Amino acid sequence: MTMIDPDPAWAALRLVGAVLSLAVVLLGVRVAVTRRFPVVWTRAARLTERQRSQPLRRGGFLALCGASLLVQQVPFLAPVPVAVGRVLFALALLLVVSAVGWFALLRR
């Protein structure tokens, strides 16, 4: 699959998915680096005191999950050989496992 897909709806959905996953990466990195949740996020999610004390844990998890989603979209947005697509898929799985490990093991 490439961006020269005959169906423009699928191409648009892939682009939206890539943009949303990039936004998740940026949000996760921001939360992990600043170690503060955005105010809107805190109000909307109604985080408990214990959850509010773990921005590094949740920010890193979000960043790794977003990176996995972004890596998964690359073969659909750019023409890549099959071997590269498989490596990207393995990298995406590794990022998901890393995200779960980050969330499970990091307790501060």
PDB file of N, CA and C in Angstrom:
ATOM      1  N   MET A   1       0.835  -1.175   0.000  1.00  0.00           N
ATOM      2  CA  MET A   1       0.000   0.000   0.000  1.00  0.00           C
ATOM      3  C   MET A   1       0.886   1.246   0.000  1.00  0.00           C
ATOM      4  N   THR A   2       0.493   2.212  -0.754  1.00  0.00           N
ATOM      5  CA  THR A   2       1.208   3.474  -0.792  1.00  0.00           C
ATOM      6  C   THR A   2       0.201   4.607  -0.744  1.00  0.00           C
ATOM      7  N   MET A   3       0.706   5.807  -0.761  1.00  0.00           N
ATOM      8  CA  MET A   3      -0.184   6.958  -0.766  1.00  0.00           C
ATOM      9  C   MET A   3      -0.908   7.101  -2.099  1.00  0.00           C
ATOM     10  N   ILE A   4      -0.472   6.372  -3.108  1.00  0.00           N
ATOM     11  CA  ILE A   4      -1.140   6.406  -4.407  1.00  0.00           C
ATOM     12  C   ILE A   4      -2.240   5.343  -4.408  1.00  0.00           C
ATOM     13  N   ASP A   5      -2.873   5.210  -3.308  1.00  0.00           N
ATOM     14  CA  ASP A   5      -3.953   4.252  -3.125  1.00  0.00           C
ATOM     15  C   ASP A   5      -5.155   4.694  -3.958  1.00  0.00           C
ATOM     16  N   PRO A   6      -5.835   3.763  -4.627  1.00  0.00           N
ATOM     17  CA  PRO A   6      -6.994   4.170  -5.424  1.00  0.00           C
ATOM     18  C   PRO A   6      -8.152   4.710  -4.583  1.00  0.00           C
ATOM     19  N   ASP A   7      -8.206   4.330  -3.329  1.00  0.00           N
ATOM     20  CA  ASP A   7      -9.290   4.793  -2.474  1.00  0.00           C
ATOM     21  C   ASP A   7      -8.795   5.943  -1.591  1.00  0.00           C
ATOM     22  N   PRO A   8      -9.232   7.161  -1.845  1.00  0.00           N
ATOM     23  CA  PRO A   8      -8.733   8.294  -1.060  1.00  0.00           C
ATOM     24  C   PRO A   8      -9.191   8.271   0.402  1.00  0.00           C
ATOM     25  N   ALA A   9     -10.253   7.562   0.701  1.00  0.00           N
ATOM     26  CA  ALA A   9     -10.724   7.499   2.094  1.00  0.00           C
ATOM     27  C   ALA A   9      -9.709   6.765   2.966  1.00  0.00           C
ATOM     28  N   TRP A  10      -9.148   5.653   2.466  1.00  0.00           N
ATOM     29  CA  TRP A  10      -8.142   4.926   3.232  1.00  0.00           C
ATOM     30  C   TRP A  10      -6.886   5.748   3.403  1.00  0.00           C
ATOM     31  N   ALA A  11      -6.489   6.445   2.349  1.00  0.00           N
ATOM     32  CA  ALA A  11      -5.301   7.297   2.445  1.00  0.00           C
ATOM     33  C   ALA A  11      -5.523   8.400   3.481  1.00  0.00           C
ATOM     34  N   ALA A  12      -6.713   8.980   3.508  1.00  0.00           N
ATOM     35  CA  ALA A  12      -7.011  10.027   4.489  1.00  0.00           C
ATOM     36  C   ALA A  12      -7.013   9.458   5.905  1.00  0.00           C
ATOM     37  N   LEU A  13      -7.569   8.264   6.092  1.00  0.00           N
ATOM     38  CA  LEU A  13      -7.572   7.637   7.414  1.00  0.00           C
ATOM     39  C   LEU A  13      -6.159   7.327   7.890  1.00  0.00           C
ATOM     40  N   ARG A  14      -5.299   6.899   6.970  1.00  0.00           N
ATOM     41  CA  ARG A  14      -3.909   6.622   7.343  1.00  0.00           C
ATOM     42  C   ARG A  14      -3.188   7.899   7.746  1.00  0.00           C
ATOM     43  N   LEU A  15      -3.439   8.973   7.014  1.00  0.00           N
ATOM     44  CA  LEU A  15      -2.824  10.251   7.364  1.00  0.00           C
ATOM     45  C   LEU A  15      -3.314  10.747   8.724  1.00  0.00           C
ATOM     46  N   VAL A  16      -4.603  10.615   8.969  1.00  0.00           N
ATOM     47  CA  VAL A  16      -5.158  11.023  10.261  1.00  0.00           C
ATOM     48  C   VAL A  16      -4.551  10.174  11.376  1.00  0.00           C
ATOM     49  N   GLY A  17      -4.400   8.879  11.141  1.00  0.00           N
ATOM     50  CA  GLY A  17      -3.778   8.005  12.134  1.00  0.00           C
ATOM     51  C   GLY A  17      -2.339   8.389  12.418  1.00  0.00           C
ATOM     52  N   ALA A  18      -1.596   8.753  11.370  1.00  0.00           N
ATOM     53  CA  ALA A  18      -0.209   9.171  11.560  1.00  0.00           C
ATOM     54  C   ALA A  18      -0.130  10.483  12.337  1.00  0.00           C
ATOM     55  N   VAL A  19      -1.001  11.413  12.031  1.00  0.00           N
ATOM     56  CA  VAL A  19      -0.997  12.700  12.734  1.00  0.00           C
ATOM     57  C   VAL A  19      -1.394  12.510  14.198  1.00  0.00           C
ATOM     58  N   LEU A  20      -2.401  11.693  14.451  1.00  0.00           N
ATOM     59  CA  LEU A  20      -2.820  11.439  15.835  1.00  0.00           C
ATOM     60  C   LEU A  20      -1.733  10.716  16.630  1.00  0.00           C
ATOM     61  N   SER A  21      -1.055   9.762  16.007  1.00  0.00           N
ATOM     62  CA  SER A  21       0.009   9.068  16.728  1.00  0.00           C
ATOM     63  C   SER A  21       1.186   9.997  16.996  1.00  0.00           C
ATOM     64  N   LEU A  22       1.476  10.909  16.074  1.00  0.00           N
ATOM     65  CA  LEU A  22       2.516  11.906  16.325  1.00  0.00           C
ATOM     66  C   LEU A  22       2.109  12.823  17.478  1.00  0.00           C
ATOM     67  N   ALA A  23       0.841  13.180  17.548  1.00  0.00           N
ATOM     68  CA  ALA A  23       0.351  14.004  18.653  1.00  0.00           C
ATOM     69  C   ALA A  23       0.473  13.265  19.980  1.00  0.00           C
ATOM     70  N   VAL A  24       0.224  11.966  19.993  1.00  0.00           N
ATOM     71  CA  VAL A  24       0.354  11.167  21.215  1.00  0.00           C
ATOM     72  C   VAL A  24       1.818  11.116  21.653  1.00  0.00           C
ATOM     73  N   VAL A  25       2.721  10.960  20.677  1.00  0.00           N
ATOM     74  CA  VAL A  25       4.152  10.956  21.012  1.00  0.00           C
ATOM     75  C   VAL A  25       4.546  12.287  21.641  1.00  0.00           C
ATOM     76  N   LEU A  26       4.149  13.386  21.016  1.00  0.00           N
ATOM     77  CA  LEU A  26       4.506  14.700  21.529  1.00  0.00           C
ATOM     78  C   LEU A  26       3.910  14.952  22.911  1.00  0.00           C
ATOM     79  N   LEU A  27       2.669  14.551  23.120  1.00  0.00           N
ATOM     80  CA  LEU A  27       2.040  14.723  24.424  1.00  0.00           C
ATOM     81  C   LEU A  27       2.750  13.891  25.487  1.00  0.00           C
ATOM     82  N   GLY A  28       3.073  12.648  25.142  1.00  0.00           N
ATOM     83  CA  GLY A  28       3.772  11.783  26.094  1.00  0.00           C
ATOM     84  C   GLY A  28       5.149  12.311  26.453  1.00  0.00           C
ATOM     85  N   VAL A  29       5.873  12.801  25.457  1.00  0.00           N
ATOM     86  CA  VAL A  29       7.201  13.362  25.727  1.00  0.00           C
ATOM     87  C   VAL A  29       7.071  14.616  26.592  1.00  0.00           C
ATOM     88  N   ARG A  30       6.086  15.449  26.302  1.00  0.00           N
ATOM     89  CA  ARG A  30       5.881  16.667  27.090  1.00  0.00           C
ATOM     90  C   ARG A  30       5.573  16.340  28.546  1.00  0.00           C
ATOM     91  N   VAL A  31       4.713  15.365  28.760  1.00  0.00           N
ATOM     92  CA  VAL A  31       4.351  14.985  30.133  1.00  0.00           C
ATOM     93  C   VAL A  31       5.562  14.375  30.847  1.00  0.00           C
ATOM     94  N   ALA A  32       6.325  13.546  30.145  1.00  0.00           N
ATOM     95  CA  ALA A  32       7.475  12.898  30.778  1.00  0.00           C
ATOM     96  C   ALA A  32       8.590  13.893  31.087  1.00  0.00           C
ATOM     97  N   VAL A  33       8.809  14.853  30.199  1.00  0.00           N
ATOM     98  CA  VAL A  33       9.897  15.805  30.404  1.00  0.00           C
ATOM     99  C   VAL A  33       9.540  16.854  31.448  1.00  0.00           C
ATOM    100  N   THR A  34       8.347  17.414  31.350  1.00  0.00           N
ATOM    101  CA  THR A  34       7.967  18.458  32.304  1.00  0.00           C
ATOM    102  C   THR A  34       7.488  17.878  33.632  1.00  0.00           C
ATOM    103  N   ARG A  35       7.130  16.609  33.616  1.00  0.00           N
ATOM    104  CA  ARG A  35       6.612  15.913  34.799  1.00  0.00           C
ATOM    105  C   ARG A  35       5.374  16.578  35.376  1.00  0.00           C
ATOM    106  N   ARG A  36       4.558  17.114  34.452  1.00  0.00           N
ATOM    107  CA  ARG A  36       3.264  17.695  34.824  1.00  0.00           C
ATOM    108  C   ARG A  36       2.250  17.318  33.760  1.00  0.00           C
ATOM    109  N   PHE A  37       1.056  16.999  34.206  1.00  0.00           N
ATOM    110  CA  PHE A  37      -0.026  16.729  33.275  1.00  0.00           C
ATOM    111  C   PHE A  37      -0.613  18.045  32.796  1.00  0.00           C
ATOM    112  N   PRO A  38      -1.106  18.096  31.559  1.00  0.00           N
ATOM    113  CA  PRO A  38      -1.833  19.299  31.133  1.00  0.00           C
ATOM    114  C   PRO A  38      -3.072  19.484  31.997  1.00  0.00           C
ATOM    115  N   VAL A  39      -3.419  20.733  32.275  1.00  0.00           N
ATOM    116  CA  VAL A  39      -4.541  21.036  33.167  1.00  0.00           C
ATOM    117  C   VAL A  39      -5.839  20.481  32.605  1.00  0.00           C
ATOM    118  N   VAL A  40      -6.045  20.622  31.309  1.00  0.00           N
ATOM    119  CA  VAL A  40      -7.274  20.121  30.683  1.00  0.00           C
ATOM    120  C   VAL A  40      -7.379  18.614  30.852  1.00  0.00           C
ATOM    121  N   TRP A  41      -6.258  17.933  30.694  1.00  0.00           N
ATOM    122  CA  TRP A  41      -6.235  16.483  30.820  1.00  0.00           C
ATOM    123  C   TRP A  41      -6.578  16.085  32.260  1.00  0.00           C
ATOM    124  N   THR A  42      -6.053  16.793  33.233  1.00  0.00           N
ATOM    125  CA  THR A  42      -6.320  16.479  34.636  1.00  0.00           C
ATOM    126  C   THR A  42      -7.793  16.678  34.968  1.00  0.00           C
ATOM    127  N   ARG A  43      -8.368  17.745  34.443  1.00  0.00           N
ATOM    128  CA  ARG A  43      -9.790  17.996  34.715  1.00  0.00           C
ATOM    129  C   ARG A  43     -10.687  16.987  34.016  1.00  0.00           C
ATOM    130  N   ALA A  44     -10.401  16.711  32.752  1.00  0.00           N
ATOM    131  CA  ALA A  44     -11.265  15.815  31.975  1.00  0.00           C
ATOM    132  C   ALA A  44     -11.182  14.375  32.465  1.00  0.00           C
ATOM    133  N   ALA A  45      -9.980  13.919  32.801  1.00  0.00           N
ATOM    134  CA  ALA A  45      -9.795  12.528  33.216  1.00  0.00           C
ATOM    135  C   ALA A  45     -10.114  12.313  34.688  1.00  0.00           C
ATOM    136  N   ARG A  46     -10.166  13.404  35.455  1.00  0.00           N
ATOM    137  CA  ARG A  46     -10.405  13.332  36.894  1.00  0.00           C
ATOM    138  C   ARG A  46      -9.449  12.338  37.561  1.00  0.00           C
ATOM    139  N   LEU A  47      -8.148  12.615  37.382  1.00  0.00           N
ATOM    140  CA  LEU A  47      -7.120  11.745  37.925  1.00  0.00           C
ATOM    141  C   LEU A  47      -7.113  11.790  39.448  1.00  0.00           C
ATOM    142  N   THR A  48      -6.897  10.647  40.047  1.00  0.00           N
ATOM    143  CA  THR A  48      -6.779  10.600  41.500  1.00  0.00           C
ATOM    144  C   THR A  48      -5.410  11.141  41.909  1.00  0.00           C
ATOM    145  N   GLU A  49      -5.226  11.336  43.203  1.00  0.00           N
ATOM    146  CA  GLU A  49      -3.947  11.866  43.695  1.00  0.00           C
ATOM    147  C   GLU A  49      -2.795  10.923  43.367  1.00  0.00           C
ATOM    148  N   ARG A  50      -3.049   9.646  43.466  1.00  0.00           N
ATOM    149  CA  ARG A  50      -2.006   8.662  43.146  1.00  0.00           C
ATOM    150  C   ARG A  50      -1.650   8.711  41.665  1.00  0.00           C
ATOM    151  N   GLN A  51      -2.636   8.861  40.800  1.00  0.00           N
ATOM    152  CA  GLN A  51      -2.374   8.936  39.365  1.00  0.00           C
ATOM    153  C   GLN A  51      -1.662  10.231  39.000  1.00  0.00           C
ATOM    154  N   ARG A  52      -1.996  11.319  39.685  1.00  0.00           N
ATOM    155  CA  ARG A  52      -1.358  12.605  39.405  1.00  0.00           C
ATOM    156  C   ARG A  52       0.107  12.605  39.803  1.00  0.00           C
ATOM    157  N   SER A  53       0.508  11.690  40.662  1.00  0.00           N
ATOM    158  CA  SER A  53       1.892  11.650  41.116  1.00  0.00           C
ATOM    159  C   SER A  53       2.781  10.818  40.192  1.00  0.00           C
ATOM    160  N   GLN A  54       2.257  10.343  39.067  1.00  0.00           N
ATOM    161  CA  GLN A  54       3.031   9.479  38.184  1.00  0.00           C
ATOM    162  C   GLN A  54       3.099  10.009  36.746  1.00  0.00           C
ATOM    163  N   PRO A  55       3.509  11.250  36.527  1.00  0.00           N
ATOM    164  CA  PRO A  55       3.533  11.753  35.153  1.00  0.00           C
ATOM    165  C   PRO A  55       4.631  11.120  34.302  1.00  0.00           C
ATOM    166  N   LEU A  56       5.770  10.791  34.895  1.00  0.00           N
ATOM    167  CA  LEU A  56       6.848  10.178  34.127  1.00  0.00           C
ATOM    168  C   LEU A  56       6.428   8.801  33.622  1.00  0.00           C
ATOM    169  N   ARG A  57       5.774   8.055  34.480  1.00  0.00           N
ATOM    170  CA  ARG A  57       5.317   6.713  34.108  1.00  0.00           C
ATOM    171  C   ARG A  57       4.295   6.770  32.964  1.00  0.00           C
ATOM    172  N   ARG A  58       3.319   7.641  33.107  1.00  0.00           N
ATOM    173  CA  ARG A  58       2.264   7.724  32.103  1.00  0.00           C
ATOM    174  C   ARG A  58       2.731   8.422  30.826  1.00  0.00           C
ATOM    175  N   GLY A  59       3.594   9.421  30.961  1.00  0.00           N
ATOM    176  CA  GLY A  59       4.114  10.117  29.789  1.00  0.00           C
ATOM    177  C   GLY A  59       4.993   9.223  28.933  1.00  0.00           C
ATOM    178  N   GLY A  60       5.869   8.454  29.564  1.00  0.00           N
ATOM    179  CA  GLY A  60       6.713   7.517  28.823  1.00  0.00           C
ATOM    180  C   GLY A  60       5.899   6.442  28.130  1.00  0.00           C
ATOM    181  N   PHE A  61       4.884   5.954  28.826  1.00  0.00           N
ATOM    182  CA  PHE A  61       3.995   4.953  28.226  1.00  0.00           C
ATOM    183  C   PHE A  61       3.302   5.515  26.991  1.00  0.00           C
ATOM    184  N   LEU A  62       2.791   6.734  27.100  1.00  0.00           N
ATOM    185  CA  LEU A  62       2.129   7.361  25.950  1.00  0.00           C
ATOM    186  C   LEU A  62       3.092   7.577  24.800  1.00  0.00           C
ATOM    187  N   ALA A  63       4.298   8.036  25.098  1.00  0.00           N
ATOM    188  CA  ALA A  63       5.282   8.297  24.049  1.00  0.00           C
ATOM    189  C   ALA A  63       5.652   7.011  23.313  1.00  0.00           C
ATOM    190  N   LEU A  64       5.862   5.938  24.049  1.00  0.00           N
ATOM    191  CA  LEU A  64       6.222   4.671  23.410  1.00  0.00           C
ATOM    192  C   LEU A  64       5.061   4.090  22.601  1.00  0.00           C
ATOM    193  N   CYS A  65       3.844   4.192  23.116  1.00  0.00           N
ATOM    194  CA  CYS A  65       2.680   3.708  22.362  1.00  0.00           C
ATOM    195  C   CYS A  65       2.462   4.529  21.096  1.00  0.00           C
ATOM    196  N   GLY A  66       2.606   5.834  21.198  1.00  0.00           N
ATOM    197  CA  GLY A  66       2.470   6.692  20.024  1.00  0.00           C
ATOM    198  C   GLY A  66       3.538   6.404  18.986  1.00  0.00           C
ATOM    199  N   ALA A  67       4.768   6.150  19.439  1.00  0.00           N
ATOM    200  CA  ALA A  67       5.843   5.807  18.510  1.00  0.00           C
ATOM    201  C   ALA A  67       5.548   4.490  17.803  1.00  0.00           C
ATOM    202  N   SER A  68       4.985   3.538  18.525  1.00  0.00           N
ATOM    203  CA  SER A  68       4.607   2.268  17.908  1.00  0.00           C
ATOM    204  C   SER A  68       3.550   2.469  16.831  1.00  0.00           C
ATOM    205  N   LEU A  69       2.547   3.283  17.135  1.00  0.00           N
ATOM    206  CA  LEU A  69       1.502   3.556  16.146  1.00  0.00           C
ATOM    207  C   LEU A  69       2.069   4.276  14.927  1.00  0.00           C
ATOM    208  N   LEU A  70       2.988   5.178  15.153  1.00  0.00           N
ATOM    209  CA  LEU A  70       3.596   5.925  14.047  1.00  0.00           C
ATOM    210  C   LEU A  70       4.440   5.007  13.160  1.00  0.00           C
ATOM    211  N   VAL A  71       5.206   4.111  13.783  1.00  0.00           N
ATOM    212  CA  VAL A  71       6.027   3.175  13.010  1.00  0.00           C
ATOM    213  C   VAL A  71       5.148   2.230  12.192  1.00  0.00           C
ATOM    214  N   GLN A  72       4.002   1.864  12.721  1.00  0.00           N
ATOM    215  CA  GLN A  72       3.093   0.983  11.988  1.00  0.00           C
ATOM    216  C   GLN A  72       2.528   1.640  10.738  1.00  0.00           C
ATOM    217  N   GLN A  73       2.426   2.967  10.728  1.00  0.00           N
ATOM    218  CA  GLN A  73       1.840   3.679   9.595  1.00  0.00           C
ATOM    219  C   GLN A  73       2.830   3.908   8.453  1.00  0.00           C
ATOM    220  N   VAL A  74       4.119   3.801   8.725  1.00  0.00           N
ATOM    221  CA  VAL A  74       5.129   4.110   7.704  1.00  0.00           C
ATOM    222  C   VAL A  74       4.964   3.281   6.427  1.00  0.00           C
ATOM    223  N   PRO A  75       4.792   1.957   6.498  1.00  0.00           N
ATOM    224  CA  PRO A  75       4.666   1.199   5.244  1.00  0.00           C
ATOM    225  C   PRO A  75       3.443   1.583   4.411  1.00  0.00           C
ATOM    226  N   PHE A  76       2.431   2.146   5.044  1.00  0.00           N
ATOM    227  CA  PHE A  76       1.244   2.546   4.300  1.00  0.00           C
ATOM    228  C   PHE A  76       1.382   3.934   3.693  1.00  0.00           C
ATOM    229  N   LEU A  77       2.282   4.741   4.234  1.00  0.00           N
ATOM    230  CA  LEU A  77       2.439   6.113   3.754  1.00  0.00           C
ATOM    231  C   LEU A  77       3.583   6.267   2.761  1.00  0.00           C
ATOM    232  N   ALA A  78       4.564   5.389   2.821  1.00  0.00           N
ATOM    233  CA  ALA A  78       5.709   5.477   1.921  1.00  0.00           C
ATOM    234  C   ALA A  78       5.991   4.082   1.356  1.00  0.00           C
ATOM    235  N   PRO A  79       6.375   4.008   0.101  1.00  0.00           N
ATOM    236  CA  PRO A  79       6.678   2.695  -0.475  1.00  0.00           C
ATOM    237  C   PRO A  79       7.977   2.134   0.129  1.00  0.00           C
ATOM    238  N   VAL A  80       7.870   0.984   0.758  1.00  0.00           N
ATOM    239  CA  VAL A  80       9.035   0.329   1.346  1.00  0.00           C
ATOM    240  C   VAL A  80       9.061  -1.126   0.888  1.00  0.00           C
ATOM    241  N   PRO A  81      10.250  -1.725   0.799  1.00  0.00           N
ATOM    242  CA  PRO A  81      10.322  -3.154   0.465  1.00  0.00           C
ATOM    243  C   PRO A  81       9.683  -4.008   1.561  1.00  0.00           C
ATOM    244  N   VAL A  82       9.363  -5.216   1.208  1.00  0.00           N
ATOM    245  CA  VAL A  82       8.692  -6.117   2.152  1.00  0.00           C
ATOM    246  C   VAL A  82       9.556  -6.364   3.384  1.00  0.00           C
ATOM    247  N   ALA A  83      10.853  -6.533   3.194  1.00  0.00           N
ATOM    248  CA  ALA A  83      11.741  -6.796   4.328  1.00  0.00           C
ATOM    249  C   ALA A  83      11.747  -5.618   5.299  1.00  0.00           C
ATOM    250  N   VAL A  84      11.766  -4.414   4.789  1.00  0.00           N
ATOM    251  CA  VAL A  84      11.733  -3.227   5.644  1.00  0.00           C
ATOM    252  C   VAL A  84      10.395  -3.138   6.371  1.00  0.00           C
ATOM    253  N   GLY A  85       9.308  -3.485   5.688  1.00  0.00           N
ATOM    254  CA  GLY A  85       7.999  -3.498   6.342  1.00  0.00           C
ATOM    255  C   GLY A  85       7.949  -4.475   7.502  1.00  0.00           C
ATOM    256  N   ARG A  86       8.578  -5.622   7.330  1.00  0.00           N
ATOM    257  CA  ARG A  86       8.611  -6.606   8.413  1.00  0.00           C
ATOM    258  C   ARG A  86       9.450  -6.119   9.586  1.00  0.00           C
ATOM    259  N   VAL A  87      10.565  -5.476   9.279  1.00  0.00           N
ATOM    260  CA  VAL A  87      11.409  -4.917  10.348  1.00  0.00           C
ATOM    261  C   VAL A  87      10.653  -3.822  11.098  1.00  0.00           C
ATOM    262  N   LEU A  88       9.926  -2.987  10.380  1.00  0.00           N
ATOM    263  CA  LEU A  88       9.135  -1.941  11.027  1.00  0.00           C
ATOM    264  C   LEU A  88       8.041  -2.538  11.903  1.00  0.00           C
ATOM    265  N   PHE A  89       7.434  -3.619  11.440  1.00  0.00           N
ATOM    266  CA  PHE A  89       6.418  -4.292  12.248  1.00  0.00           C
ATOM    267  C   PHE A  89       7.036  -4.852  13.529  1.00  0.00           C
ATOM    268  N   ALA A  90       8.217  -5.472  13.406  1.00  0.00           N
ATOM    269  CA  ALA A  90       8.904  -5.995  14.593  1.00  0.00           C
ATOM    270  C   ALA A  90       9.279  -4.860  15.541  1.00  0.00           C
ATOM    271  N   LEU A  91       9.704  -3.731  14.997  1.00  0.00           N
ATOM    272  CA  LEU A  91      10.033  -2.570  15.818  1.00  0.00           C
ATOM    273  C   LEU A  91       8.796  -2.048  16.543  1.00  0.00           C
ATOM    274  N   ALA A  92       7.660  -2.025  15.859  1.00  0.00           N
ATOM    275  CA  ALA A  92       6.415  -1.586  16.487  1.00  0.00           C
ATOM    276  C   ALA A  92       6.034  -2.512  17.634  1.00  0.00           C
ATOM    277  N   LEU A  93       6.187  -3.814  17.440  1.00  0.00           N
ATOM    278  CA  LEU A  93       5.899  -4.754  18.524  1.00  0.00           C
ATOM    279  C   LEU A  93       6.863  -4.566  19.695  1.00  0.00           C
ATOM    280  N   LEU A  94       8.133  -4.323  19.388  1.00  0.00           N
ATOM    281  CA  LEU A  94       9.112  -4.076  20.439  1.00  0.00           C
ATOM    282  C   LEU A  94       8.770  -2.810  21.229  1.00  0.00           C
ATOM    283  N   LEU A  95       8.294  -1.785  20.525  1.00  0.00           N
ATOM    284  CA  LEU A  95       7.894  -0.555  21.209  1.00  0.00           C
ATOM    285  C   LEU A  95       6.687  -0.776  22.117  1.00  0.00           C
ATOM    286  N   VAL A  96       5.740  -1.588  21.685  1.00  0.00           N
ATOM    287  CA  VAL A  96       4.572  -1.883  22.525  1.00  0.00           C
ATOM    288  C   VAL A  96       4.990  -2.658  23.770  1.00  0.00           C
ATOM    289  N   VAL A  97       5.865  -3.637  23.599  1.00  0.00           N
ATOM    290  CA  VAL A  97       6.348  -4.404  24.752  1.00  0.00           C
ATOM    291  C   VAL A  97       7.135  -3.494  25.686  1.00  0.00           C
ATOM    292  N   SER A  98       7.934  -2.590  25.111  1.00  0.00           N
ATOM    293  CA  SER A  98       8.683  -1.632  25.939  1.00  0.00           C
ATOM    294  C   SER A  98       7.739  -0.717  26.701  1.00  0.00           C
ATOM    295  N   ALA A  99       6.659  -0.291  26.053  1.00  0.00           N
ATOM    296  CA  ALA A  99       5.687   0.577  26.721  1.00  0.00           C
ATOM    297  C   ALA A  99       5.040  -0.142  27.903  1.00  0.00           C
ATOM    298  N   VAL A 100       4.667  -1.383  27.705  1.00  0.00           N
ATOM    299  CA  VAL A 100       4.056  -2.149  28.797  1.00  0.00           C
ATOM    300  C   VAL A 100       5.075  -2.360  29.922  1.00  0.00           C
ATOM    301  N   GLY A 101       6.313  -2.677  29.549  1.00  0.00           N
ATOM    302  CA  GLY A 101       7.363  -2.835  30.557  1.00  0.00           C
ATOM    303  C   GLY A 101       7.634  -1.541  31.303  1.00  0.00           C
ATOM    304  N   TRP A 102       7.658  -0.423  30.580  1.00  0.00           N
ATOM    305  CA  TRP A 102       7.870   0.895  31.197  1.00  0.00           C
ATOM    306  C   TRP A 102       6.770   1.156  32.233  1.00  0.00           C
ATOM    307  N   PHE A 103       5.533   0.915  31.831  1.00  0.00           N
ATOM    308  CA  PHE A 103       4.403   1.199  32.720  1.00  0.00           C
ATOM    309  C   PHE A 103       4.402   0.256  33.925  1.00  0.00           C
ATOM    310  N   ALA A 104       4.760  -1.006  33.702  1.00  0.00           N
ATOM    311  CA  ALA A 104       4.701  -1.977  34.792  1.00  0.00           C
ATOM    312  C   ALA A 104       5.869  -1.835  35.773  1.00  0.00           C
ATOM    313  N   LEU A 105       7.036  -1.481  35.263  1.00  0.00           N
ATOM    314  CA  LEU A 105       8.227  -1.489  36.122  1.00  0.00           C
ATOM    315  C   LEU A 105       8.538  -0.136  36.751  1.00  0.00           C
ATOM    316  N   LEU A 106       8.128   0.952  36.125  1.00  0.00           N
ATOM    317  CA  LEU A 106       8.460   2.271  36.655  1.00  0.00           C
ATOM    318  C   LEU A 106       7.438   2.699  37.692  1.00  0.00           C
ATOM    319  N   ARG A 107       7.873   2.771  38.924  1.00  0.00           N
ATOM    320  CA  ARG A 107       6.993   3.194  40.000  1.00  0.00           C
ATOM    321  C   ARG A 107       7.746   4.218  40.829  1.00  0.00           C
ATOM    322  N   ARG A 108       7.281   5.460  40.785  1.00  0.00           N
ATOM    323  CA  ARG A 108       7.950   6.520  41.549  1.00  0.00           C
ATOM    324  C   ARG A 108       6.960   7.210  42.424  1.00  0.00           C
TER     325      ARG A 108
END
